[in-house]
Amino acid sequence: MSREEKKLVALTSCSHALTHAYLLIFPAVLLLLKEEFSMGYLGLGVISNIMGFAYGLGALPGGMVYNYFGPKKLYLFCFLGSAGAALLVAASPDLILFTAGLALLGALGSVYHPMVNSLITSKVKKYGIALGIHGAAGNIGVALAPFIGGLIGSRWGWRQAYIFFMIPGIVLSIWSLFIDMSVKKEEKEQPFREMVRPDSSSQAKTIWIFFTLPLVLLYTLNWLQSFSYHGAATFLPAYMAQYTSFRIFSWDSVAIGGMLSGLALFAGTFGQYAGGVLGQKPHLERNLLTVTAVSFPFILFMAFLQDLSLLIMALIFFFFSFAVQPMMNVLLAQYTTLGMRGTAFGIYFFAAFGIGSLAASLSGYIAQRFGLPYIFLALSVSVVVLIFLSYVLLRLKKSWAKANL
């Protein structure tokens, strides 16, 4: 990568860590919120769902707004706005304003993924590797947020956890002012276009170009992967706190649950990078199917194990689960043209964060009705469907290749 490409990847990688960290403060302090607001798991799951849905819903216009306003203004809107929303959450005097603040936090961060994935795939030549680095950095934020949020929350209260995360949002906004984010209008030549029809330039004038069968499959795959992630991550700190017997210093269950879930999610950092490397390799659809299939037994076993065995299963599951993300991101870039990519990524991330956020409410209901272990049993079903649709995408690619011989 060139110097300018490295600077862009560095900024967006740190940004990816923070945008996910904002979402994972809530699970880290979930037990504290349960006590303060006297709520059950279902109510807390619905609140998390509201934040997650807002994070996904804004991705739809986010892709189109990216094409109109450009990345620099959108970036500042995202992170300065998120810092302000975190302050609003911390200062909320009641449950209604707390929920509204979380919804605003989700909405302001929602433009991030379509914006940055479009930016990276447009400005970085080896964007498979760049997406892997970007994804791995996101998982560092995913891992650190439950640990830092849980530790701060257990010692000083959940409000201080949100105040703490304001600071990096301001710092990154200042840093972005010194990064070149301009994108040339002409599309770079790209090596993969098997699934984009030759007459796509004329089709681009209609909405149906965004809903070809390969793209619909990718939207659905991203939704299913995010569904299993949202359900697991929302209740993982509480699950770890209640189903492990580790003792660390004088930490309470909130801090220990946050630390253990953060450790499990940190495994996804290596998975993201591995997925980015695989994204540069041939036979990407086949690799996607293999990785999704390997992840299945580990989320299933999480429903039946405790202590160290539970932690090991979580580590392995999140490694393979997160490896899927950069691979699918690369596939979406390969199956779209530059002009349609911002909108396509918007639909793609709405499917992941908007529709996928429904897992929080469903998981909350399951936890309240049957118990926390049943969450992972239910989520394993979504992974089975993910495996099947990955196979369908692979067969479609093979049939397409034969037809074009």
Protein backbone atom coordinates (compact mmCIF):
# COMPACT_ATOMS: atom_id res chain seq x y z
CA MET A 1 0.00 0.00 0.00
CA SER A 2 1.10 3.56 -0.67
CA ARG A 3 1.70 6.07 2.12
CA GLU A 4 -1.69 7.73 1.54
CA GLU A 5 -3.44 4.36 1.49
CA LYS A 6 -1.80 3.40 4.79
CA LYS A 7 -2.89 6.67 6.40
CA LEU A 8 -6.47 6.11 5.26
CA VAL A 9 -6.49 2.51 6.49
CA ALA A 10 -5.05 3.62 9.85
CA LEU A 11 -7.78 6.22 10.37
CA THR A 12 -10.63 4.00 9.25
CA SER A 13 -9.34 1.09 11.33
CA CYS A 14 -9.35 3.18 14.50
CA SER A 15 -12.76 4.52 13.50
CA HIS A 16 -14.10 1.01 13.03
CA ALA A 17 -12.98 0.10 16.54
CA LEU A 18 -14.80 3.09 17.99
CA THR A 19 -18.08 2.79 16.09
CA HIS A 20 -18.52 -0.76 17.36
CA ALA A 21 -17.36 0.20 20.83
CA TYR A 22 -20.25 2.69 21.07
CA LEU A 23 -22.70 -0.17 20.49
CA LEU A 24 -21.09 -2.53 22.99
CA ILE A 25 -21.07 -0.25 26.01
CA PHE A 26 -24.70 -1.26 26.53
CA PRO A 27 -24.07 -5.02 26.86
CA ALA A 28 -21.10 -4.29 29.14
CA VAL A 29 -23.29 -2.46 31.67
CA LEU A 30 -26.46 -4.47 31.02
CA LEU A 31 -26.59 -5.96 34.52
CA LEU A 32 -26.23 -2.48 36.04
CA LEU A 33 -29.05 -1.17 33.84
CA LYS A 34 -31.18 -4.18 34.77
CA GLU A 35 -30.84 -3.20 38.41
CA GLU A 36 -31.23 0.57 38.02
CA PHE A 37 -34.28 0.48 35.74
CA SER A 38 -35.77 -2.71 37.29
CA MET A 39 -36.11 -4.39 33.90
CA GLY A 40 -36.05 -7.97 32.64
CA TYR A 41 -33.94 -9.35 29.80
CA LEU A 42 -36.75 -8.86 27.30
CA GLY A 43 -37.05 -5.12 27.97
CA LEU A 44 -33.28 -4.68 27.80
CA GLY A 45 -33.18 -6.69 24.58
CA VAL A 46 -35.81 -4.42 23.03
CA ILE A 47 -33.80 -1.31 23.98
CA SER A 48 -30.70 -2.83 22.43
CA ASN A 49 -32.81 -3.68 19.39
CA ILE A 50 -33.91 -0.04 19.04
CA MET A 51 -30.30 1.14 19.04
CA GLY A 52 -29.24 -1.60 16.62
CA PHE A 53 -32.17 -0.97 14.27
CA ALA A 54 -31.34 2.75 14.16
CA TYR A 55 -27.74 1.79 13.38
CA GLY A 56 -28.94 -0.30 10.46
CA LEU A 57 -31.76 1.92 9.23
CA GLY A 58 -29.47 4.88 8.69
CA ALA A 59 -27.20 2.75 6.53
CA LEU A 60 -29.78 2.86 3.72
CA PRO A 61 -29.67 6.64 3.16
CA GLY A 62 -26.05 6.56 4.33
CA GLY A 63 -24.99 4.87 1.12
CA MET A 64 -26.82 7.42 -1.01
CA VAL A 65 -25.68 10.36 1.13
CA TYR A 66 -22.10 9.16 0.69
CA ASN A 67 -22.46 9.51 -3.06
CA TYR A 68 -23.91 13.01 -2.67
CA PHE A 69 -21.95 14.69 0.12
CA GLY A 70 -18.72 12.72 0.02
CA PRO A 71 -16.90 10.93 2.82
CA LYS A 72 -15.26 13.82 4.73
CA LYS A 73 -18.46 15.62 5.76
CA LEU A 74 -20.17 12.33 6.47
CA TYR A 75 -17.28 11.18 8.65
CA LEU A 76 -17.40 14.31 10.81
CA PHE A 77 -21.18 14.02 11.11
CA CYS A 78 -20.77 10.42 12.25
CA PHE A 79 -18.14 10.80 14.94
CA LEU A 80 -18.78 14.29 16.31
CA GLY A 81 -22.45 13.35 16.43
CA SER A 82 -21.73 10.05 18.18
CA ALA A 83 -19.64 11.81 20.83
CA GLY A 84 -22.53 14.19 21.49
CA ALA A 85 -25.03 11.32 21.63
CA ALA A 86 -22.86 9.47 24.16
CA LEU A 87 -23.02 12.54 26.39
CA LEU A 88 -26.80 12.63 26.01
CA VAL A 89 -27.06 8.98 27.08
CA ALA A 90 -24.83 9.61 30.10
CA ALA A 91 -26.93 12.61 31.17
CA SER A 92 -30.35 10.99 30.59
CA PRO A 93 -32.53 11.29 33.73
CA ASP A 94 -35.00 8.51 32.89
CA LEU A 95 -35.52 5.41 30.76
CA ILE A 96 -37.28 7.25 27.92
CA LEU A 97 -34.45 9.72 27.33
CA PHE A 98 -31.90 6.96 27.83
CA THR A 99 -33.54 4.92 25.06
CA ALA A 100 -33.83 8.00 22.82
CA GLY A 101 -30.15 8.74 23.36
CA LEU A 102 -29.19 5.20 22.40
CA ALA A 103 -31.36 5.42 19.27
CA LEU A 104 -29.60 8.67 18.32
CA LEU A 105 -26.21 7.09 18.99
CA GLY A 106 -27.13 4.25 16.65
CA ALA A 107 -28.52 6.54 13.95
CA LEU A 108 -25.46 8.82 13.91
CA GLY A 109 -23.10 5.87 13.63
CA SER A 110 -25.18 4.17 10.96
CA VAL A 111 -23.56 5.96 8.04
CA TYR A 112 -20.14 4.56 8.95
CA HIS A 113 -20.09 1.15 7.26
CA PRO A 114 -21.43 2.05 3.79
CA MET A 115 -19.24 5.16 3.82
CA VAL A 116 -15.95 3.51 4.80
CA ASN A 117 -16.37 0.26 2.86
CA SER A 118 -17.10 2.30 -0.27
CA LEU A 119 -14.12 4.54 0.51
CA ILE A 120 -11.66 1.69 1.05
CA THR A 121 -12.73 -0.31 -2.00
CA SER A 122 -12.47 2.85 -4.11
CA LYS A 123 -9.14 4.26 -2.87
CA VAL A 124 -7.07 1.21 -1.88
CA LYS A 125 -5.85 -1.13 -4.62
CA LYS A 126 -5.41 -4.22 -2.42
CA TYR A 127 -8.69 -3.63 -0.69
CA GLY A 128 -9.10 -7.25 0.45
CA ILE A 129 -6.13 -6.88 2.79
CA ALA A 130 -7.26 -3.38 3.77
CA LEU A 131 -10.73 -4.67 4.65
CA GLY A 132 -9.15 -7.43 6.71
CA ILE A 133 -7.07 -4.90 8.69
CA HIS A 134 -10.10 -2.63 9.01
CA GLY A 135 -12.22 -5.53 10.24
CA ALA A 136 -9.56 -6.71 12.69
CA ALA A 137 -9.31 -3.24 14.18
CA GLY A 138 -13.09 -3.19 14.52
CA ASN A 139 -12.84 -6.31 16.59
CA ILE A 140 -10.32 -4.66 18.88
CA GLY A 141 -13.03 -2.12 19.64
CA VAL A 142 -15.58 -4.93 19.97
CA ALA A 143 -13.28 -6.64 22.48
CA LEU A 144 -12.17 -3.61 24.46
CA ALA A 145 -15.60 -2.00 24.85
CA PRO A 146 -17.09 -4.73 27.10
CA PHE A 147 -13.88 -4.84 29.16
CA ILE A 148 -13.41 -1.06 29.54
CA GLY A 149 -17.15 -0.36 29.82
CA GLY A 150 -17.65 -3.13 32.36
CA LEU A 151 -14.66 -2.08 34.45
CA ILE A 152 -15.61 1.62 34.49
CA GLY A 153 -19.26 0.80 35.07
CA SER A 154 -18.57 -1.53 38.01
CA ARG A 155 -16.37 1.06 39.73
CA TRP A 156 -17.89 4.44 38.87
CA GLY A 157 -21.26 3.69 37.26
CA TRP A 158 -22.59 3.13 33.75
CA ARG A 159 -22.90 6.86 32.99
CA GLN A 160 -19.15 7.36 33.32
CA ALA A 161 -18.58 4.58 30.79
CA TYR A 162 -20.44 6.57 28.14
CA ILE A 163 -18.62 9.78 29.08
CA PHE A 164 -15.26 8.05 28.68
CA PHE A 165 -16.03 7.01 25.09
CA MET A 166 -16.79 10.60 24.05
CA ILE A 167 -13.09 11.46 23.98
CA PRO A 168 -11.90 9.20 21.11
CA GLY A 169 -14.80 10.40 18.93
CA ILE A 170 -13.51 13.97 19.17
CA VAL A 171 -9.88 12.90 18.62
CA LEU A 172 -10.70 10.91 15.46
CA SER A 173 -12.75 13.79 14.06
CA ILE A 174 -9.73 16.08 14.35
CA TRP A 175 -7.45 13.45 12.81
CA SER A 176 -9.77 13.04 9.80
CA LEU A 177 -9.22 16.67 8.82
CA PHE A 178 -5.68 15.75 7.77
CA ILE A 179 -6.59 12.67 5.67
CA ASP A 180 -7.31 12.76 1.94
CA MET A 181 -10.71 11.15 1.35
CA SER A 182 -11.38 12.41 -2.16
CA VAL A 183 -12.50 9.71 -4.61
CA LYS A 184 -12.03 9.93 -8.37
CA LYS A 185 -15.25 9.64 -10.32
CA GLU A 186 -13.87 7.18 -12.80
CA GLU A 187 -13.85 3.63 -11.59
CA LYS A 188 -10.59 1.80 -11.06
CA GLU A 189 -10.15 -1.31 -13.13
CA GLN A 190 -11.04 -4.31 -10.99
CA PRO A 191 -10.14 -7.95 -11.55
CA PHE A 192 -13.51 -9.52 -10.72
CA ARG A 193 -16.76 -8.80 -12.51
CA GLU A 194 -18.17 -12.24 -13.20
CA MET A 195 -21.51 -11.55 -11.56
CA VAL A 196 -22.07 -8.05 -12.96
CA ARG A 197 -24.01 -8.23 -16.18
CA PRO A 198 -22.49 -6.59 -19.27
CA ASP A 199 -25.46 -4.24 -19.62
CA SER A 200 -25.23 -3.06 -16.01
CA SER A 201 -24.66 0.55 -17.07
CA SER A 202 -28.13 0.73 -18.58
CA GLN A 203 -29.66 -1.22 -15.70
CA ALA A 204 -28.13 1.13 -13.16
CA LYS A 205 -30.95 3.55 -13.86
CA THR A 206 -33.41 1.18 -12.20
CA ILE A 207 -33.59 0.00 -8.63
CA TRP A 208 -33.47 -3.65 -9.71
CA ILE A 209 -29.72 -3.51 -10.37
CA PHE A 210 -29.35 -3.56 -6.57
CA PHE A 211 -31.43 -6.74 -6.25
CA THR A 212 -29.81 -9.24 -8.58
CA LEU A 213 -29.79 -12.77 -7.17
CA PRO A 214 -26.11 -12.69 -6.09
CA LEU A 215 -26.62 -9.38 -4.28
CA VAL A 216 -29.81 -10.57 -2.57
CA LEU A 217 -27.90 -13.64 -1.38
CA LEU A 218 -25.10 -11.44 -0.02
CA TYR A 219 -27.57 -9.15 1.77
CA THR A 220 -29.20 -12.21 3.34
CA LEU A 221 -25.87 -13.78 4.28
CA ASN A 222 -24.78 -10.56 5.95
CA TRP A 223 -28.09 -10.39 7.83
CA LEU A 224 -27.74 -13.96 9.12
CA GLN A 225 -24.13 -13.49 10.19
CA SER A 226 -25.03 -10.27 11.97
CA PHE A 227 -28.10 -11.88 13.53
CA SER A 228 -25.99 -14.54 15.26
CA TYR A 229 -23.46 -11.89 16.27
CA HIS A 230 -26.02 -9.42 17.70
CA GLY A 231 -27.80 -12.04 19.73
CA ALA A 232 -24.58 -13.49 21.13
CA ALA A 233 -22.78 -10.20 21.80
CA THR A 234 -25.74 -8.49 23.52
CA PHE A 235 -26.02 -11.13 26.23
CA LEU A 236 -22.48 -12.54 26.25
CA PRO A 237 -21.23 -10.41 29.20
CA ALA A 238 -24.24 -11.40 31.32
CA TYR A 239 -23.86 -15.05 30.24
CA MET A 240 -20.16 -15.09 31.09
CA ALA A 241 -20.84 -13.42 34.44
CA GLN A 242 -23.38 -16.07 35.43
CA TYR A 243 -21.91 -19.24 33.90
CA THR A 244 -18.23 -18.90 34.76
CA SER A 245 -16.57 -19.07 38.16
CA PHE A 246 -13.39 -17.15 37.43
CA ARG A 247 -12.15 -14.77 40.11
CA ILE A 248 -9.91 -11.85 39.18
CA PHE A 249 -8.67 -9.51 41.92
CA SER A 250 -11.71 -8.06 43.67
CA TRP A 251 -13.71 -7.51 40.46
CA ASP A 252 -17.42 -8.06 40.62
CA SER A 253 -19.44 -10.15 38.13
CA VAL A 254 -20.05 -7.16 35.82
CA ALA A 255 -16.33 -6.50 35.36
CA ILE A 256 -15.50 -10.21 35.00
CA GLY A 257 -18.32 -10.79 32.49
CA GLY A 258 -17.13 -7.81 30.45
CA MET A 259 -13.52 -8.99 30.55
CA LEU A 260 -14.31 -12.57 29.50
CA SER A 261 -16.68 -11.53 26.72
CA GLY A 262 -14.12 -9.00 25.54
CA LEU A 263 -11.52 -11.76 25.42
CA ALA A 264 -13.85 -13.96 23.38
CA LEU A 265 -14.69 -11.16 20.97
CA PHE A 266 -11.00 -10.29 20.63
CA ALA A 267 -10.51 -13.62 18.86
CA GLY A 268 -12.53 -12.08 16.05
CA THR A 269 -9.63 -9.67 15.46
CA PHE A 270 -7.55 -12.53 14.07
CA GLY A 271 -10.59 -13.89 12.27
CA GLN A 272 -11.16 -10.57 10.51
CA TYR A 273 -7.57 -10.46 9.29
CA ALA A 274 -7.72 -14.10 8.16
CA GLY A 275 -10.93 -13.32 6.29
CA GLY A 276 -9.25 -10.35 4.62
CA VAL A 277 -6.38 -12.55 3.45
CA LEU A 278 -8.85 -15.11 2.11
CA GLY A 279 -10.63 -12.24 0.37
CA GLN A 280 -7.57 -11.81 -1.86
CA LYS A 281 -7.50 -15.52 -2.76
CA PRO A 282 -9.36 -17.27 -5.61
CA HIS A 283 -12.42 -19.45 -4.96
CA LEU A 284 -13.79 -16.95 -2.45
CA GLU A 285 -17.32 -18.39 -2.48
CA ARG A 286 -15.96 -21.83 -1.63
CA ASN A 287 -13.85 -20.41 1.19
CA LEU A 288 -16.91 -18.60 2.54
CA LEU A 289 -18.88 -21.84 2.69
CA THR A 290 -16.03 -23.63 4.47
CA VAL A 291 -15.62 -20.97 7.14
CA THR A 292 -19.35 -20.71 7.89
CA ALA A 293 -19.63 -24.49 8.18
CA VAL A 294 -16.70 -24.72 10.60
CA SER A 295 -18.21 -22.06 12.90
CA PHE A 296 -21.47 -23.95 13.52
CA PRO A 297 -20.58 -26.52 16.21
CA PHE A 298 -18.91 -23.95 18.43
CA ILE A 299 -21.93 -21.67 18.88
CA LEU A 300 -24.02 -24.80 19.48
CA PHE A 301 -21.68 -26.05 22.22
CA MET A 302 -21.80 -22.65 23.95
CA ALA A 303 -25.35 -23.49 25.04
CA PHE A 304 -24.20 -26.54 27.04
CA LEU A 305 -20.82 -25.63 28.57
CA GLN A 306 -19.52 -23.52 31.45
CA ASP A 307 -16.29 -22.00 32.75
CA LEU A 308 -13.15 -22.63 30.68
CA SER A 309 -14.90 -24.86 28.13
CA LEU A 310 -17.46 -22.11 27.46
CA LEU A 311 -14.72 -19.53 27.00
CA ILE A 312 -12.84 -21.77 24.54
CA MET A 313 -15.99 -22.38 22.47
CA ALA A 314 -16.68 -18.64 22.38
CA LEU A 315 -13.11 -17.86 21.31
CA ILE A 316 -13.28 -20.31 18.39
CA PHE A 317 -16.79 -19.33 17.30
CA PHE A 318 -16.06 -15.61 17.13
CA PHE A 319 -12.80 -16.26 15.24
CA PHE A 320 -14.65 -18.02 12.41
CA SER A 321 -17.77 -15.84 12.61
CA PHE A 322 -15.80 -12.64 12.10
CA ALA A 323 -13.66 -14.17 9.34
CA VAL A 324 -16.83 -14.23 7.25
CA GLN A 325 -17.30 -10.44 7.28
CA PRO A 326 -14.36 -9.19 5.14
CA MET A 327 -14.93 -12.07 2.71
CA MET A 328 -18.53 -10.99 2.11
CA ASN A 329 -17.47 -7.33 1.90
CA VAL A 330 -15.01 -8.21 -0.86
CA LEU A 331 -17.68 -10.21 -2.68
CA LEU A 332 -20.08 -7.27 -2.59
CA ALA A 333 -17.39 -5.00 -4.02
CA GLN A 334 -16.68 -7.56 -6.76
CA TYR A 335 -20.36 -7.83 -7.71
CA THR A 336 -20.99 -4.07 -7.96
CA THR A 337 -19.75 -1.12 -9.97
CA LEU A 338 -18.26 1.94 -8.28
CA GLY A 339 -21.31 4.10 -9.03
CA MET A 340 -23.73 1.71 -7.32
CA ARG A 341 -21.44 0.60 -4.50
CA GLY A 342 -22.41 3.21 -1.89
CA THR A 343 -26.11 2.34 -2.18
CA ALA A 344 -25.42 -1.40 -2.33
CA PHE A 345 -23.34 -1.21 0.84
CA GLY A 346 -26.17 0.79 2.42
CA ILE A 347 -28.68 -2.00 1.73
CA TYR A 348 -26.11 -4.59 2.77
CA PHE A 349 -25.46 -3.00 6.17
CA PHE A 350 -29.12 -2.24 6.76
CA ALA A 351 -29.72 -5.97 6.42
CA ALA A 352 -26.92 -6.62 8.92
CA PHE A 353 -27.53 -3.99 11.57
CA GLY A 354 -31.17 -3.09 11.00
CA ILE A 355 -32.81 -6.46 10.46
CA GLY A 356 -30.02 -8.30 12.26
CA SER A 357 -30.65 -6.23 15.39
CA LEU A 358 -33.94 -8.12 15.86
CA ALA A 359 -31.78 -10.84 17.40
CA ALA A 360 -31.47 -8.69 20.53
CA SER A 361 -35.24 -8.70 21.18
CA LEU A 362 -35.58 -12.37 20.30
CA SER A 363 -32.63 -13.29 22.50
CA GLY A 364 -34.05 -11.20 25.34
CA TYR A 365 -37.36 -13.06 25.09
CA ILE A 366 -35.60 -16.44 25.02
CA ALA A 367 -33.43 -15.53 28.01
CA GLN A 368 -36.39 -14.34 30.05
CA ARG A 369 -38.62 -17.27 29.07
CA PHE A 370 -36.15 -20.17 29.04
CA GLY A 371 -32.76 -18.94 30.30
CA LEU A 372 -29.55 -17.50 28.86
CA PRO A 373 -28.11 -20.79 27.47
CA TYR A 374 -31.06 -21.20 25.10
CA ILE A 375 -30.00 -18.02 23.28
CA PHE A 376 -27.04 -19.82 21.75
CA LEU A 377 -29.09 -22.88 20.91
CA ALA A 378 -31.53 -20.68 18.95
CA LEU A 379 -28.77 -18.68 17.26
CA SER A 380 -27.13 -21.87 15.98
CA VAL A 381 -30.19 -22.32 13.74
CA SER A 382 -29.38 -19.05 11.93
CA VAL A 383 -25.86 -20.36 11.32
CA VAL A 384 -27.32 -23.49 9.67
CA VAL A 385 -29.28 -21.28 7.25
CA LEU A 386 -26.12 -19.22 6.67
CA ILE A 387 -24.28 -22.38 5.63
CA PHE A 388 -27.05 -23.39 3.22
CA LEU A 389 -27.18 -19.99 1.49
CA SER A 390 -23.39 -19.91 1.21
CA TYR A 391 -23.69 -23.19 -0.68
CA VAL A 392 -26.36 -21.66 -2.95
CA LEU A 393 -24.05 -18.73 -3.75
CA LEU A 394 -21.24 -21.14 -4.59
CA ARG A 395 -23.47 -23.16 -6.92
CA LEU A 396 -24.70 -19.97 -8.58
CA LYS A 397 -21.13 -18.83 -9.19
CA LYS A 398 -20.22 -22.18 -10.74
CA SER A 399 -23.26 -22.20 -13.01
CA TRP A 400 -22.54 -18.61 -14.04
CA ALA A 401 -18.94 -19.52 -14.88
CA LYS A 402 -20.05 -22.47 -17.02
CA ALA A 403 -22.55 -20.31 -18.89
CA ASN A 404 -19.82 -17.82 -19.79
CA LEU A 405 -17.28 -20.37 -21.05
